[in-house]
Amino acid sequence: MLIQAGLVLFSGALGLFCLFGIAQPVQFLGVVERVFRGSGGIQTAVVVRVIFGVALIYGAGTSRFPLLVYLIGGLLLISAAILPFIGQERIDGLIERFKQLPTNVLRIWLTGGFAFAALLIFALWR
């Protein structure tokens, strides 16, 4: 029960962060750049993915859509394992590409992120 509450809170924070990005895309990209660019970017991304992925797999059995939650958790763990091989330079390049997107396209991406967070909240809330 505590794991699910934490997952709902984390998913809610993710959704709020996406809403912040929809309202303030330039500031959103600045935050993303400060967190994920540079020497600690990959480590931060890997740690977040591992913790969130393990928690999703652990809490999948009591969710509304256990197979979907389990699958998302597994994909997060796979991405955490692959991410160090991608390298910080590619991560920095991806951030640069997102910075060059038109504002409306970035808002569409973030709307998808918000919808994903809302789906997780719905799946996990009991």
N, C-alpha and C. Protein backbone atom coordinates (compact mmCIF):
# COMPACT_ATOMS: atom_id res chain seq x y z
N MET A 1 0.83 -1.20 0.00
CA MET A 1 0.00 0.00 0.00
C MET A 1 0.87 1.26 0.00
N LEU A 2 1.96 1.24 0.76
CA LEU A 2 2.85 2.38 0.82
C LEU A 2 3.55 2.60 -0.52
N ILE A 3 3.91 1.50 -1.18
CA ILE A 3 4.55 1.60 -2.50
C ILE A 3 3.59 2.26 -3.49
N GLN A 4 2.33 1.83 -3.48
CA GLN A 4 1.37 2.41 -4.41
C GLN A 4 1.15 3.89 -4.13
N ALA A 5 1.10 4.27 -2.86
CA ALA A 5 0.93 5.69 -2.53
C ALA A 5 2.12 6.49 -3.05
N GLY A 6 3.32 5.97 -2.89
CA GLY A 6 4.50 6.64 -3.41
C GLY A 6 4.47 6.74 -4.92
N LEU A 7 4.01 5.68 -5.59
CA LEU A 7 3.92 5.70 -7.05
C LEU A 7 2.90 6.73 -7.52
N VAL A 8 1.78 6.81 -6.83
CA VAL A 8 0.75 7.80 -7.19
C VAL A 8 1.31 9.21 -6.99
N LEU A 9 2.01 9.43 -5.88
CA LEU A 9 2.61 10.75 -5.63
C LEU A 9 3.66 11.09 -6.70
N PHE A 10 4.52 10.13 -7.02
CA PHE A 10 5.54 10.38 -8.04
C PHE A 10 4.90 10.64 -9.39
N SER A 11 3.87 9.86 -9.75
CA SER A 11 3.17 10.07 -11.01
C SER A 11 2.49 11.43 -11.03
N GLY A 12 1.94 11.83 -9.89
CA GLY A 12 1.33 13.16 -9.80
C GLY A 12 2.36 14.26 -9.99
N ALA A 13 3.54 14.07 -9.39
CA ALA A 13 4.61 15.06 -9.56
C ALA A 13 5.04 15.12 -11.03
N LEU A 14 5.12 13.96 -11.68
CA LEU A 14 5.46 13.92 -13.10
C LEU A 14 4.41 14.68 -13.92
N GLY A 15 3.14 14.45 -13.61
CA GLY A 15 2.06 15.14 -14.30
C GLY A 15 2.11 16.65 -14.08
N LEU A 16 2.38 17.06 -12.84
CA LEU A 16 2.49 18.49 -12.55
C LEU A 16 3.68 19.11 -13.27
N PHE A 17 4.78 18.38 -13.36
CA PHE A 17 5.96 18.87 -14.08
C PHE A 17 5.63 19.06 -15.57
N CYS A 18 4.86 18.13 -16.12
CA CYS A 18 4.44 18.26 -17.52
C CYS A 18 3.52 19.48 -17.69
N LEU A 19 2.60 19.70 -16.74
CA LEU A 19 1.74 20.87 -16.81
C LEU A 19 2.57 22.16 -16.73
N PHE A 20 3.58 22.16 -15.87
CA PHE A 20 4.49 23.30 -15.79
C PHE A 20 5.15 23.54 -17.15
N GLY A 21 5.56 22.46 -17.80
CA GLY A 21 6.20 22.58 -19.12
C GLY A 21 5.25 23.09 -20.19
N ILE A 22 3.99 22.68 -20.10
CA ILE A 22 2.99 23.17 -21.06
C ILE A 22 2.80 24.67 -20.88
N ALA A 23 2.76 25.13 -19.62
CA ALA A 23 2.55 26.55 -19.34
C ALA A 23 3.81 27.38 -19.58
N GLN A 24 4.97 26.83 -19.25
CA GLN A 24 6.24 27.57 -19.34
C GLN A 24 7.31 26.70 -20.01
N PRO A 25 7.24 26.51 -21.32
CA PRO A 25 8.16 25.58 -21.97
C PRO A 25 9.64 25.98 -21.86
N VAL A 26 9.95 27.24 -21.90
CA VAL A 26 11.36 27.67 -21.84
C VAL A 26 11.93 27.36 -20.45
N GLN A 27 11.19 27.68 -19.41
CA GLN A 27 11.65 27.39 -18.06
C GLN A 27 11.73 25.88 -17.82
N PHE A 28 10.79 25.14 -18.38
CA PHE A 28 10.80 23.68 -18.27
C PHE A 28 12.09 23.11 -18.85
N LEU A 29 12.46 23.57 -20.05
CA LEU A 29 13.68 23.08 -20.67
C LEU A 29 14.91 23.48 -19.88
N GLY A 30 14.87 24.63 -19.23
CA GLY A 30 15.98 25.04 -18.38
C GLY A 30 16.16 24.10 -17.20
N VAL A 31 15.04 23.69 -16.59
CA VAL A 31 15.12 22.74 -15.47
C VAL A 31 15.65 21.40 -15.95
N VAL A 32 15.12 20.91 -17.07
CA VAL A 32 15.58 19.63 -17.62
C VAL A 32 17.06 19.69 -17.92
N GLU A 33 17.50 20.79 -18.48
CA GLU A 33 18.91 20.93 -18.83
C GLU A 33 19.79 20.92 -17.57
N ARG A 34 19.36 21.63 -16.52
CA ARG A 34 20.16 21.65 -15.29
C ARG A 34 20.23 20.28 -14.63
N VAL A 35 19.17 19.51 -14.71
CA VAL A 35 19.14 18.21 -14.03
C VAL A 35 19.87 17.13 -14.83
N PHE A 36 19.68 17.10 -16.14
CA PHE A 36 20.15 15.96 -16.93
C PHE A 36 21.38 16.24 -17.79
N ARG A 37 21.83 17.47 -17.86
CA ARG A 37 23.01 17.77 -18.67
C ARG A 37 24.25 17.73 -17.79
N GLY A 38 25.34 17.32 -18.36
CA GLY A 38 26.59 17.32 -17.61
C GLY A 38 26.91 15.96 -17.03
N SER A 39 27.85 15.94 -16.13
CA SER A 39 28.43 14.68 -15.65
C SER A 39 27.44 13.80 -14.88
N GLY A 40 26.50 14.37 -14.18
CA GLY A 40 25.58 13.56 -13.39
C GLY A 40 24.26 13.26 -14.06
N GLY A 41 24.09 13.67 -15.30
CA GLY A 41 22.82 13.50 -15.99
C GLY A 41 22.39 12.07 -16.17
N ILE A 42 23.30 11.25 -16.66
CA ILE A 42 22.95 9.84 -16.88
C ILE A 42 22.70 9.13 -15.56
N GLN A 43 23.52 9.40 -14.56
CA GLN A 43 23.33 8.75 -13.27
C GLN A 43 21.96 9.10 -12.69
N THR A 44 21.56 10.36 -12.79
CA THR A 44 20.25 10.78 -12.30
C THR A 44 19.14 10.04 -13.04
N ALA A 45 19.24 10.00 -14.36
CA ALA A 45 18.22 9.33 -15.17
C ALA A 45 18.15 7.84 -14.85
N VAL A 46 19.30 7.20 -14.68
CA VAL A 46 19.32 5.76 -14.38
C VAL A 46 18.70 5.48 -13.01
N VAL A 47 19.09 6.26 -12.01
CA VAL A 47 18.57 6.03 -10.66
C VAL A 47 17.06 6.21 -10.62
N VAL A 48 16.56 7.27 -11.25
CA VAL A 48 15.11 7.50 -11.26
C VAL A 48 14.39 6.35 -11.96
N ARG A 49 14.92 5.90 -13.09
CA ARG A 49 14.28 4.81 -13.83
C ARG A 49 14.30 3.50 -13.03
N VAL A 50 15.41 3.21 -12.38
CA VAL A 50 15.50 1.95 -11.61
C VAL A 50 14.52 1.98 -10.44
N ILE A 51 14.51 3.05 -9.68
CA ILE A 51 13.61 3.13 -8.52
C ILE A 51 12.15 3.07 -8.97
N PHE A 52 11.80 3.86 -9.97
CA PHE A 52 10.41 3.88 -10.46
C PHE A 52 10.04 2.54 -11.09
N GLY A 53 10.94 1.94 -11.87
CA GLY A 53 10.66 0.66 -12.51
C GLY A 53 10.46 -0.46 -11.50
N VAL A 54 11.34 -0.56 -10.51
CA VAL A 54 11.21 -1.60 -9.49
C VAL A 54 9.92 -1.41 -8.70
N ALA A 55 9.62 -0.16 -8.35
CA ALA A 55 8.40 0.11 -7.60
C ALA A 55 7.16 -0.25 -8.43
N LEU A 56 7.17 0.05 -9.72
CA LEU A 56 6.03 -0.31 -10.57
C LEU A 56 5.86 -1.83 -10.66
N ILE A 57 6.95 -2.53 -10.83
CA ILE A 57 6.85 -4.00 -10.90
C ILE A 57 6.33 -4.55 -9.58
N TYR A 58 6.84 -4.02 -8.48
CA TYR A 58 6.41 -4.48 -7.16
C TYR A 58 4.94 -4.17 -6.91
N GLY A 59 4.46 -3.02 -7.36
CA GLY A 59 3.08 -2.62 -7.11
C GLY A 59 2.10 -3.01 -8.19
N ALA A 60 2.56 -3.67 -9.24
CA ALA A 60 1.69 -4.00 -10.37
C ALA A 60 0.54 -4.93 -9.99
N GLY A 61 0.80 -5.86 -9.09
CA GLY A 61 -0.21 -6.85 -8.74
C GLY A 61 -1.48 -6.28 -8.14
N THR A 62 -1.40 -5.15 -7.51
CA THR A 62 -2.58 -4.56 -6.88
C THR A 62 -3.15 -3.39 -7.68
N SER A 63 -2.68 -3.20 -8.89
CA SER A 63 -3.16 -2.09 -9.72
C SER A 63 -4.37 -2.52 -10.53
N ARG A 64 -5.01 -1.56 -11.18
CA ARG A 64 -6.16 -1.86 -12.04
C ARG A 64 -5.73 -2.59 -13.31
N PHE A 65 -4.55 -2.29 -13.79
CA PHE A 65 -4.03 -2.89 -15.03
C PHE A 65 -2.66 -3.50 -14.75
N PRO A 66 -2.61 -4.65 -14.07
CA PRO A 66 -1.32 -5.18 -13.64
C PRO A 66 -0.35 -5.45 -14.78
N LEU A 67 -0.83 -5.98 -15.88
CA LEU A 67 0.08 -6.28 -16.99
C LEU A 67 0.69 -5.00 -17.56
N LEU A 68 -0.11 -3.96 -17.73
CA LEU A 68 0.40 -2.70 -18.25
C LEU A 68 1.42 -2.07 -17.30
N VAL A 69 1.11 -2.06 -16.01
CA VAL A 69 2.02 -1.47 -15.03
C VAL A 69 3.31 -2.28 -14.96
N TYR A 70 3.20 -3.60 -14.99
CA TYR A 70 4.38 -4.46 -14.99
C TYR A 70 5.23 -4.20 -16.24
N LEU A 71 4.59 -4.06 -17.40
CA LEU A 71 5.29 -3.80 -18.65
C LEU A 71 6.03 -2.46 -18.61
N ILE A 72 5.37 -1.42 -18.10
CA ILE A 72 6.01 -0.11 -18.00
C ILE A 72 7.22 -0.19 -17.06
N GLY A 73 7.06 -0.88 -15.94
CA GLY A 73 8.18 -1.05 -15.02
C GLY A 73 9.34 -1.78 -15.67
N GLY A 74 9.04 -2.82 -16.42
CA GLY A 74 10.09 -3.56 -17.12
C GLY A 74 10.79 -2.71 -18.17
N LEU A 75 10.02 -1.91 -18.91
CA LEU A 75 10.63 -1.03 -19.91
C LEU A 75 11.52 0.02 -19.26
N LEU A 76 11.11 0.50 -18.09
CA LEU A 76 11.96 1.46 -17.38
C LEU A 76 13.28 0.82 -16.97
N LEU A 77 13.23 -0.42 -16.51
CA LEU A 77 14.47 -1.11 -16.12
C LEU A 77 15.37 -1.38 -17.33
N ILE A 78 14.76 -1.74 -18.45
CA ILE A 78 15.54 -1.96 -19.66
C ILE A 78 16.19 -0.65 -20.11
N SER A 79 15.42 0.43 -20.08
CA SER A 79 15.99 1.72 -20.49
C SER A 79 17.10 2.16 -19.54
N ALA A 80 16.95 1.84 -18.25
CA ALA A 80 18.01 2.19 -17.28
C ALA A 80 19.28 1.41 -17.57
N ALA A 81 19.14 0.17 -18.03
CA ALA A 81 20.32 -0.64 -18.34
C ALA A 81 21.00 -0.17 -19.63
N ILE A 82 20.23 0.34 -20.57
CA ILE A 82 20.78 0.76 -21.86
C ILE A 82 21.36 2.17 -21.80
N LEU A 83 20.79 3.01 -20.98
CA LEU A 83 21.15 4.43 -20.95
C LEU A 83 22.64 4.71 -20.78
N PRO A 84 23.36 4.01 -19.90
CA PRO A 84 24.80 4.30 -19.79
C PRO A 84 25.59 4.04 -21.07
N PHE A 85 25.10 3.14 -21.90
CA PHE A 85 25.79 2.85 -23.15
C PHE A 85 25.52 3.90 -24.22
N ILE A 86 24.44 4.64 -24.05
CA ILE A 86 24.11 5.71 -25.00
C ILE A 86 25.10 6.86 -24.87
N GLY A 87 25.43 7.20 -23.63
CA GLY A 87 26.43 8.24 -23.39
C GLY A 87 25.83 9.61 -23.15
N GLN A 88 26.55 10.38 -22.36
CA GLN A 88 26.09 11.72 -21.99
C GLN A 88 26.02 12.65 -23.19
N GLU A 89 26.91 12.47 -24.16
CA GLU A 89 26.90 13.35 -25.33
C GLU A 89 25.60 13.23 -26.11
N ARG A 90 25.09 12.02 -26.25
CA ARG A 90 23.82 11.84 -26.96
C ARG A 90 22.66 12.41 -26.16
N ILE A 91 22.72 12.27 -24.84
CA ILE A 91 21.67 12.85 -23.99
C ILE A 91 21.68 14.37 -24.15
N ASP A 92 22.86 14.96 -24.12
CA ASP A 92 22.98 16.41 -24.31
C ASP A 92 22.46 16.81 -25.69
N GLY A 93 22.74 16.01 -26.70
CA GLY A 93 22.24 16.28 -28.05
C GLY A 93 20.72 16.21 -28.12
N LEU A 94 20.16 15.25 -27.41
CA LEU A 94 18.69 15.12 -27.38
C LEU A 94 18.06 16.34 -26.71
N ILE A 95 18.68 16.81 -25.64
CA ILE A 95 18.18 18.02 -24.98
C ILE A 95 18.24 19.20 -25.94
N GLU A 96 19.33 19.31 -26.70
CA GLU A 96 19.45 20.39 -27.69
C GLU A 96 18.37 20.31 -28.75
N ARG A 97 18.06 19.09 -29.20
CA ARG A 97 17.00 18.93 -30.20
C ARG A 97 15.65 19.36 -29.65
N PHE A 98 15.39 19.01 -28.39
CA PHE A 98 14.12 19.43 -27.78
C PHE A 98 14.06 20.94 -27.62
N LYS A 99 15.20 21.56 -27.37
CA LYS A 99 15.24 23.03 -27.24
C LYS A 99 14.94 23.71 -28.58
N GLN A 100 15.21 23.01 -29.68
CA GLN A 100 14.98 23.59 -31.01
C GLN A 100 13.57 23.34 -31.53
N LEU A 101 12.80 22.52 -30.84
CA LEU A 101 11.43 22.25 -31.27
C LEU A 101 10.57 23.50 -31.16
N PRO A 102 9.63 23.65 -32.07
CA PRO A 102 8.66 24.74 -31.88
C PRO A 102 7.89 24.54 -30.57
N THR A 103 7.51 25.63 -29.95
CA THR A 103 6.85 25.57 -28.65
C THR A 103 5.61 24.68 -28.67
N ASN A 104 4.81 24.76 -29.74
CA ASN A 104 3.59 23.96 -29.80
C ASN A 104 3.89 22.46 -29.88
N VAL A 105 4.95 22.10 -30.55
CA VAL A 105 5.33 20.68 -30.64
C VAL A 105 5.78 20.18 -29.26
N LEU A 106 6.56 21.00 -28.57
CA LEU A 106 6.98 20.64 -27.21
C LEU A 106 5.77 20.48 -26.30
N ARG A 107 4.80 21.36 -26.45
CA ARG A 107 3.57 21.27 -25.63
C ARG A 107 2.80 19.97 -25.94
N ILE A 108 2.81 19.54 -27.18
CA ILE A 108 2.15 18.28 -27.53
C ILE A 108 2.87 17.11 -26.84
N TRP A 109 4.21 17.10 -26.88
CA TRP A 109 4.98 16.07 -26.18
C TRP A 109 4.62 16.05 -24.70
N LEU A 110 4.57 17.23 -24.10
CA LEU A 110 4.30 17.32 -22.66
C LEU A 110 2.86 16.94 -22.34
N THR A 111 1.94 17.19 -23.26
CA THR A 111 0.56 16.73 -23.06
C THR A 111 0.51 15.21 -23.04
N GLY A 112 1.31 14.58 -23.89
CA GLY A 112 1.43 13.12 -23.86
C GLY A 112 2.01 12.64 -22.54
N GLY A 113 3.01 13.35 -22.02
CA GLY A 113 3.57 13.01 -20.71
C GLY A 113 2.55 13.16 -19.60
N PHE A 114 1.75 14.20 -19.67
CA PHE A 114 0.69 14.39 -18.68
C PHE A 114 -0.34 13.27 -18.75
N ALA A 115 -0.72 12.88 -19.97
CA ALA A 115 -1.67 11.78 -20.14
C ALA A 115 -1.10 10.47 -19.60
N PHE A 116 0.19 10.25 -19.82
CA PHE A 116 0.85 9.05 -19.28
C PHE A 116 0.81 9.05 -17.75
N ALA A 117 1.11 10.19 -17.15
CA ALA A 117 1.06 10.29 -15.69
C ALA A 117 -0.35 10.07 -15.18
N ALA A 118 -1.34 10.61 -15.87
CA ALA A 118 -2.74 10.43 -15.47
C ALA A 118 -3.14 8.96 -15.58
N LEU A 119 -2.69 8.27 -16.62
CA LEU A 119 -2.96 6.84 -16.77
C LEU A 119 -2.36 6.05 -15.61
N LEU A 120 -1.13 6.38 -15.24
CA LEU A 120 -0.50 5.69 -14.11
C LEU A 120 -1.25 5.94 -12.81
N ILE A 121 -1.66 7.16 -12.59
CA ILE A 121 -2.44 7.48 -11.39
C ILE A 121 -3.72 6.67 -11.36
N PHE A 122 -4.43 6.64 -12.50
CA PHE A 122 -5.68 5.88 -12.57
C PHE A 122 -5.42 4.39 -12.34
N ALA A 123 -4.36 3.87 -12.92
CA ALA A 123 -4.07 2.44 -12.78
C ALA A 123 -3.67 2.07 -11.36
N LEU A 124 -3.02 2.98 -10.65
CA LEU A 124 -2.46 2.65 -9.34
C LEU A 124 -3.36 3.05 -8.17
N TRP A 125 -4.24 4.00 -8.38
CA TRP A 125 -5.07 4.50 -7.28
C TRP A 125 -6.14 3.47 -6.93
N ARG A 126 -6.17 3.06 -5.68
CA ARG A 126 -7.17 2.09 -5.20
C ARG A 126 -7.84 2.60 -3.98
